[in-house]
Protein backbone atom coordinates (compact mmCIF):
# COMPACT_ATOMS: atom_id res chain seq x y z
CA ILE A 1 -17.41 -24.52 63.37
CA PRO A 2 -15.93 -21.52 61.47
CA SER A 3 -16.24 -23.16 58.06
CA THR A 4 -19.97 -23.84 58.45
CA ARG A 5 -21.21 -20.95 60.60
CA TRP A 6 -22.84 -19.24 57.60
CA GLN A 7 -24.65 -22.42 56.50
CA ILE A 8 -28.00 -21.83 58.17
CA GLY A 9 -30.04 -24.14 55.93
CA LYS A 10 -33.10 -23.49 53.78
CA ILE A 11 -35.69 -23.93 56.54
CA ARG A 12 -33.97 -21.54 58.93
CA PHE A 13 -33.40 -19.11 56.05
CA ILE A 14 -37.15 -19.07 55.28
CA LYS A 15 -37.97 -18.68 58.99
CA PHE A 16 -35.63 -15.70 59.16
CA PHE A 17 -37.55 -13.80 56.48
CA LEU A 18 -40.93 -14.85 57.88
CA VAL A 19 -40.00 -13.49 61.30
CA MET A 20 -38.60 -10.33 59.72
CA GLY A 21 -41.84 -9.85 57.74
CA ALA A 22 -43.99 -10.42 60.83
CA VAL A 23 -42.00 -7.88 62.86
CA PHE A 24 -42.31 -5.38 60.01
CA LEU A 25 -46.11 -5.79 59.95
CA ILE A 26 -46.34 -5.42 63.73
CA CYS A 27 -44.28 -2.23 63.67
CA ASN A 28 -45.86 -0.85 60.47
CA PRO A 29 -49.54 -1.93 60.39
CA SER A 30 -50.43 1.04 58.18
CA ILE A 31 -48.83 -0.78 55.24
CA LEU A 32 -52.02 -2.88 55.08
CA LEU A 33 -54.25 0.15 54.50
CA PRO A 34 -55.42 0.78 50.89
CA GLY A 35 -54.56 4.45 51.28
CA SER A 36 -50.91 3.59 51.88
CA TRP A 37 -50.73 1.66 48.62
CA ARG A 38 -52.49 4.46 46.76
CA ALA A 39 -49.92 6.92 48.09
CA ILE A 40 -47.07 4.58 47.07
CA LEU A 41 -48.57 4.23 43.58
CA ASN A 42 -48.99 8.00 43.24
CA PHE A 43 -45.41 8.59 44.35
CA THR A 44 -43.85 5.98 42.07
CA SER A 45 -45.90 7.22 39.10
CA TYR A 46 -44.71 10.85 39.74
CA ARG A 47 -48.21 12.14 40.42
CA MET A 48 -46.90 13.66 43.65
CA VAL A 49 -43.86 15.29 42.03
CA GLY A 50 -44.75 18.97 42.00
CA HIS A 51 -41.75 20.38 40.13
CA ASP A 52 -39.69 19.53 37.10
CA SER A 53 -36.18 20.15 38.41
CA TYR A 54 -33.85 20.60 41.37
CA GLU A 55 -31.11 23.19 41.86
CA PHE A 56 -27.72 21.73 42.77
CA MET A 57 -24.59 23.90 43.00
CA GLY A 58 -26.18 26.71 41.00
CA ARG A 59 -27.51 24.57 38.16
CA LEU A 60 -30.92 23.04 37.46
CA TYR A 61 -31.21 19.30 36.84
CA PRO A 62 -34.17 17.05 35.99
CA HIS A 63 -34.99 15.01 39.08
CA LYS A 64 -37.23 12.11 38.22
CA PHE A 65 -35.95 8.82 39.58
CA THR A 66 -35.86 7.33 36.08
CA ASP A 67 -33.78 10.19 34.66
CA TRP A 68 -30.78 8.18 35.91
CA LEU A 69 -27.47 9.81 34.93
CA LYS A 70 -29.29 12.53 32.99
CA GLY A 71 -30.74 13.82 36.25
CA GLU A 72 -28.90 15.05 39.31
CA PRO A 73 -25.20 14.07 39.28
CA TRP A 74 -24.10 10.73 40.71
CA TYR A 75 -21.76 12.56 43.12
CA PHE A 76 -24.66 14.48 44.76
CA TYR A 77 -24.40 12.63 48.08
CA LEU A 78 -20.60 12.64 48.06
CA VAL A 79 -20.73 16.44 47.90
CA LEU A 80 -23.33 16.42 50.68
CA MET A 81 -20.98 14.49 52.93
CA GLY A 82 -17.99 16.56 51.89
CA VAL A 83 -19.50 19.94 52.80
CA LYS A 84 -21.93 19.04 55.59
CA PHE A 85 -20.12 16.53 57.78
CA PRO A 86 -17.84 17.87 60.53
CA VAL A 87 -14.31 17.37 59.19
CA LEU A 88 -13.22 14.92 61.89
CA THR A 89 -16.36 12.83 61.37
CA LEU A 90 -15.71 12.84 57.63
CA LEU A 91 -12.12 11.67 58.16
CA GLY A 92 -13.41 8.99 60.51
CA PHE A 93 -15.80 7.70 57.85
CA LEU A 94 -13.13 7.63 55.14
CA SER A 95 -10.78 5.59 57.31
CA GLY A 96 -13.62 3.41 58.60
CA PHE A 97 -14.85 2.68 55.08
CA ILE A 98 -11.39 1.39 54.13
CA LEU A 99 -11.26 -0.74 57.29
CA LEU A 100 -14.52 -2.46 56.32
CA PHE A 101 -12.55 -4.43 53.73
CA ARG A 102 -10.10 -5.84 56.28
CA LYS A 103 -10.88 -9.32 57.61
CA LYS A 104 -9.59 -8.56 61.10
CA ILE A 105 -12.58 -6.22 61.63
CA GLY A 106 -14.82 -9.28 61.85
CA ASP A 107 -17.94 -10.56 60.13
CA GLY A 108 -20.06 -7.66 61.36
CA ARG A 109 -18.50 -5.57 58.63
CA TYR A 110 -20.61 -7.39 56.04
CA PHE A 111 -23.72 -5.81 57.50
CA LEU A 112 -22.35 -2.30 56.93
CA ILE A 113 -20.96 -3.19 53.50
CA PHE A 114 -24.34 -4.54 52.40
CA TRP A 115 -26.15 -1.50 53.83
CA LEU A 116 -23.85 0.98 52.08
CA PHE A 117 -23.83 -0.99 48.82
CA PHE A 118 -27.58 -1.52 48.63
CA TRP A 119 -28.33 2.13 49.40
CA GLY A 120 -25.60 3.27 47.01
CA ILE A 121 -26.84 1.40 43.96
CA THR A 122 -30.40 2.52 44.74
CA PHE A 123 -29.81 6.25 45.15
CA THR A 124 -26.45 7.15 43.60
CA PHE A 125 -27.44 6.54 39.99
CA ALA A 126 -31.10 7.54 40.27
CA GLY A 127 -31.91 10.84 38.59
CA GLY A 128 -34.06 12.16 41.43
CA LYS A 129 -32.28 13.06 44.66
CA PHE A 130 -33.04 15.01 47.82
CA THR A 131 -30.74 15.44 50.79
CA ARG A 132 -33.35 13.80 53.05
CA TYR A 133 -32.83 10.47 51.25
CA PHE A 134 -29.40 10.33 52.86
CA THR A 135 -30.99 9.68 56.27
CA ALA A 136 -31.61 6.07 55.20
CA VAL A 137 -27.87 5.38 55.10
CA LEU A 138 -26.73 7.86 57.76
CA PRO A 139 -26.63 5.27 60.61
CA ALA A 140 -24.29 3.05 58.56
CA VAL A 141 -22.09 6.05 57.74
CA ILE A 142 -21.89 7.03 61.41
CA MET A 143 -21.02 3.46 62.43
CA ALA A 144 -18.27 3.36 59.82
CA ALA A 145 -17.01 6.72 61.11
CA ALA A 146 -16.98 5.34 64.66
CA LEU A 147 -14.96 2.38 63.43
CA GLY A 148 -12.43 4.75 61.86
CA VAL A 149 -12.20 6.86 65.02
CA GLN A 150 -11.71 3.74 67.13
CA TRP A 151 -8.89 2.57 64.88
CA ALA A 152 -7.21 6.00 64.87
CA ALA A 153 -7.55 6.27 68.65
CA GLY A 154 -5.98 2.83 69.08
CA TRP A 155 -3.08 3.76 66.80
CA LEU A 156 -2.52 7.04 68.66
CA GLY A 157 -2.73 5.25 71.99
CA ARG A 158 -0.03 2.77 71.02
CA ILE A 159 2.23 5.59 69.83
CA CYS A 160 1.76 7.59 73.05
CA ALA A 161 2.26 4.53 75.24
CA ARG A 162 5.54 3.81 73.47
CA VAL A 163 6.77 7.41 73.50
CA PHE A 164 5.96 8.04 77.17
CA ASP A 165 6.67 4.46 78.22
CA SER A 166 3.36 4.36 80.04
CA PRO A 167 0.19 2.34 79.30
CA GLY A 168 -1.81 5.10 80.98
CA ALA A 169 -0.66 7.62 78.39
CA GLY A 170 -2.11 5.42 75.68
CA ILE A 171 -5.45 5.18 77.45
CA TYR A 172 -5.66 8.95 77.88
CA ALA A 173 -4.66 9.51 74.24
CA ARG A 174 -7.43 7.21 72.99
CA ALA A 175 -9.99 8.93 75.17
CA ALA A 176 -8.77 12.38 74.10
CA LEU A 177 -9.11 11.64 70.39
CA ALA A 178 -12.59 10.15 70.75
CA SER A 179 -13.64 13.11 72.90
CA LEU A 180 -12.25 15.55 70.34
CA VAL A 181 -14.38 14.02 67.58
CA ILE A 182 -17.51 14.12 69.75
CA VAL A 183 -16.89 17.70 70.90
CA SER A 184 -16.25 18.86 67.34
CA ALA A 185 -19.59 17.39 66.24
CA LEU A 186 -21.38 19.06 69.16
CA TRP A 187 -19.65 22.35 68.39
CA SER A 188 -20.74 22.12 64.76
CA SER A 189 -24.36 21.64 65.80
CA ALA A 190 -24.21 24.45 68.34
CA SER A 191 -22.63 26.87 65.88
CA ALA A 192 -25.34 26.14 63.29
CA MET A 193 -28.36 26.52 65.57
CA PRO A 194 -31.16 27.23 64.98
CA HIS A 195 -30.69 26.89 61.20
CA TYR A 196 -29.02 23.49 61.16
CA ARG A 197 -29.64 22.84 57.46
CA LEU A 198 -27.39 25.76 56.53
CA TYR A 199 -24.37 24.33 58.36
CA MET A 200 -21.20 24.13 56.26
CA ASN A 201 -17.94 22.58 57.36
CA LEU A 202 -14.48 24.02 56.71
CA LEU A 203 -14.33 22.38 53.28
CA GLY A 204 -17.65 23.86 52.16
CA GLY A 205 -17.13 27.26 53.76
CA SER A 206 -19.78 29.15 55.72
CA ALA A 207 -19.87 31.84 53.02
CA HIS A 208 -21.33 29.25 50.63
CA ALA A 209 -24.29 28.30 52.81
CA GLY A 210 -27.37 27.78 50.67
CA GLN A 211 -25.44 27.44 47.42
CA TYR A 212 -25.13 23.66 47.18
CA PHE A 213 -28.64 22.37 47.94
CA PRO A 214 -30.77 25.52 48.28
CA GLN A 215 -34.17 23.84 48.12
CA ASP A 216 -33.32 21.47 50.97
CA GLU A 217 -31.20 23.97 52.86
CA PHE A 218 -33.90 26.67 52.99
CA TYR A 219 -37.09 24.73 52.28
CA ASP A 220 -39.75 27.07 53.75
CA ALA A 221 -37.61 28.72 56.47
CA TYR A 222 -38.14 32.21 55.04
CA MET A 223 -41.90 32.01 54.53
CA GLN A 224 -43.05 33.16 57.96
CA ASP A 225 -40.98 36.36 57.84
CA ALA A 226 -41.96 36.98 54.22
CA LEU A 227 -45.66 36.58 54.98
CA THR A 228 -45.48 38.77 58.06
CA GLU A 229 -44.04 41.63 56.00
CA ILE A 230 -46.41 41.08 53.07
CA ALA A 231 -49.34 41.20 55.48
CA LYS A 232 -48.28 44.72 56.49
CA ARG A 233 -48.03 45.95 52.89
CA ALA A 234 -50.67 44.08 50.90
CA SER A 235 -54.05 45.58 50.14
CA PRO A 236 -57.20 43.53 50.91
CA GLY A 237 -57.63 40.59 48.53
CA ALA A 238 -54.14 40.94 47.02
CA ARG A 239 -52.66 37.91 45.28
CA VAL A 240 -49.34 36.45 46.37
CA ALA A 241 -47.55 34.06 43.99
CA SER A 242 -45.00 31.58 45.32
CA GLU A 243 -43.97 27.95 44.99
CA LEU A 244 -45.29 27.23 48.50
CA PRO A 245 -48.93 28.38 48.40
CA THR A 246 -50.10 25.97 51.12
CA VAL A 247 -47.39 27.11 53.53
CA ALA A 248 -48.13 30.73 52.64
CA ALA A 249 -51.82 30.27 53.40
CA TYR A 250 -50.96 28.79 56.80
CA TYR A 251 -48.80 31.75 57.82
CA ALA A 252 -51.38 34.18 56.43
CA GLN A 253 -53.92 32.72 58.83
CA ARG A 254 -51.50 33.26 61.69
CA VAL A 255 -51.17 36.97 60.89
CA ASN A 256 -54.93 37.38 60.35
CA ARG A 257 -54.72 37.92 56.59
CA ALA A 258 -57.01 35.18 55.33
CA ASP A 259 -58.22 37.63 52.67
CA LEU A 260 -54.99 37.25 50.71
CA VAL A 261 -55.16 34.96 47.67
CA TRP A 262 -52.32 32.47 47.36
CA VAL A 263 -51.42 31.19 43.91
CA GLU A 264 -48.71 28.92 42.55
CA LEU A 265 -45.97 30.74 40.69
CA SER A 266 -45.62 27.99 38.08
CA ASP A 267 -49.34 27.99 37.20
CA PRO A 268 -49.77 30.15 34.04
CA SER A 269 -53.54 30.41 34.47
CA GLU A 270 -53.13 31.97 37.91
CA LEU A 271 -50.29 34.27 36.90
CA GLY A 272 -52.50 35.77 34.22
CA LYS A 273 -54.74 37.11 37.00
CA LEU A 274 -52.00 39.05 38.76
CA ALA A 275 -52.37 42.84 38.92
CA PRO A 276 -50.38 45.83 40.19
CA GLY A 277 -50.15 45.67 43.97
CA ASP A 278 -49.81 41.88 44.06
CA PHE A 279 -46.64 40.12 45.24
CA VAL A 280 -44.25 37.44 44.00
CA ILE A 281 -41.99 35.50 46.38
CA ASP A 282 -38.75 34.47 44.70
CA GLY A 283 -37.24 31.97 47.13
CA ARG A 284 -33.75 30.52 46.75
CA GLY A 285 -33.93 26.93 45.60
CA ARG A 286 -37.42 27.46 44.21
CA THR A 287 -36.37 28.14 40.63
CA TYR A 288 -37.43 25.44 38.19
CA PHE A 289 -37.23 24.87 34.45
CA SER A 290 -40.87 25.93 34.07
CA ILE A 291 -40.31 29.37 35.65
CA GLN A 292 -36.58 29.94 35.21
CA ALA A 293 -36.86 32.34 32.25
CA MET A 294 -39.83 34.13 33.79
CA LEU A 295 -38.00 34.79 37.06
CA SER A 296 -34.95 35.95 35.14
CA ARG A 297 -37.13 38.54 33.37
CA LEU A 298 -38.63 39.66 36.65
CA ARG A 299 -35.22 40.08 38.28
CA GLN A 300 -34.01 42.18 35.38
CA ALA A 301 -37.15 44.32 35.13
CA SER A 302 -37.71 45.10 38.80
CA ARG A 303 -36.06 45.40 42.18
CA PRO A 304 -37.34 43.50 45.24
CA ALA A 305 -39.67 45.36 47.56
CA PHE A 306 -37.79 43.67 50.39
CA SER A 307 -35.58 40.65 51.02
CA ILE A 308 -35.59 37.95 53.67
CA ALA A 309 -32.55 36.28 55.25
CA VAL A 310 -32.37 33.08 57.26
CA GLY A 311 -29.87 33.99 59.92
CA THR A 312 -27.31 35.95 57.90
CA THR A 313 -27.89 34.04 54.65
CA PRO A 314 -30.06 35.70 51.96
CA ALA A 315 -33.04 33.42 51.37
CA ALA A 316 -35.77 35.15 49.35
CA ASP A 317 -36.66 38.30 47.43
CA VAL A 318 -40.22 39.59 47.46
CA TYR A 319 -41.42 41.71 44.55
CA GLY A 320 -44.30 44.15 44.68
CA LEU A 321 -45.73 44.05 41.17
CA ASP A 322 -46.19 47.11 38.99
CA GLN A 323 -46.87 47.51 35.27
CA LYS A 324 -43.23 46.99 34.32
CA SER A 325 -42.76 43.78 36.30
CA LEU A 326 -46.14 42.48 35.15
CA ALA A 327 -45.11 43.05 31.55
CA ALA A 328 -42.02 40.92 32.17
CA LEU A 329 -44.12 38.10 33.59
CA ARG A 330 -46.79 38.25 30.92
CA GLY A 331 -44.24 38.45 28.15
CA GLN A 332 -42.95 35.07 29.29
CA LEU A 333 -46.47 33.74 29.50
CA LEU A 334 -47.15 34.84 25.94
CA GLN A 335 -44.02 33.05 24.78
CA ASN A 336 -45.22 29.88 26.49
CA ARG A 337 -48.54 30.09 24.65
CA GLU A 338 -46.80 30.58 21.30
CA ARG A 339 -44.75 27.45 21.86
């Protein structure tokens, strides 16, 4: 009966959540381990947050979850969709999202509405954002886009069938539009390989790759090339400062330079030990409040020994330290101590 189909009763409602909980435990038994809860506690208490900010569109923002609207802008994920989605897929989502509020789509639309709404209120207004958080809602976005494409294909099919006075023309038109969307998405992936994170659609512009979300777009993609070149130039036991010391140590092992000492750029106690002949890796997206002024001094006082690009996109500058560049770094350190 249509008027009562949503009235499932209290007992069945409880059974629904019990079954859902049991399936979750079967598929995710590690949730019962004490170590999992310790990791969750460390994450929610910010003990695992290694940096104090995130660079978005050329500006640094605080990025703790509880920074709310004082952190990264609420439109962060809207920009992500606007510059990273293939244009036809983006248009499909926009039309599909509107269709979700039409009754004729059916009751299944409530599932997508709830998914999008719940994720939206959780992540849109939180101060801490990373592009990877978008993967939790990506399936719902793709389904909404498919709904929009299906509607557009149906509309085009009806127009073509009427114009050509042939039902077959409508069928071919629907198939052609759906195929065009799929091919455009495949072409976008193929054109971005192997550096998929740097993909930009026509709205974002390929010339602006790495400018919107540099930390997530580059991550550690430049580290292997940087370490390979440093290994050729560095003297035995030289120190190399970066914001990815663990990754640097891994690649150093691969090029047989385990003698190199890897330190964190934002650690003042380690920076005080740097000497002429050491190196600093200044990676795009790895500028934070704690080191912003220091890196600015370094960039003004010295020129990079060499630079690394990911594909054709500049990704990192590597500085070989001398007395002048060391003075710039230590001057900033002295200011920090005075504060």
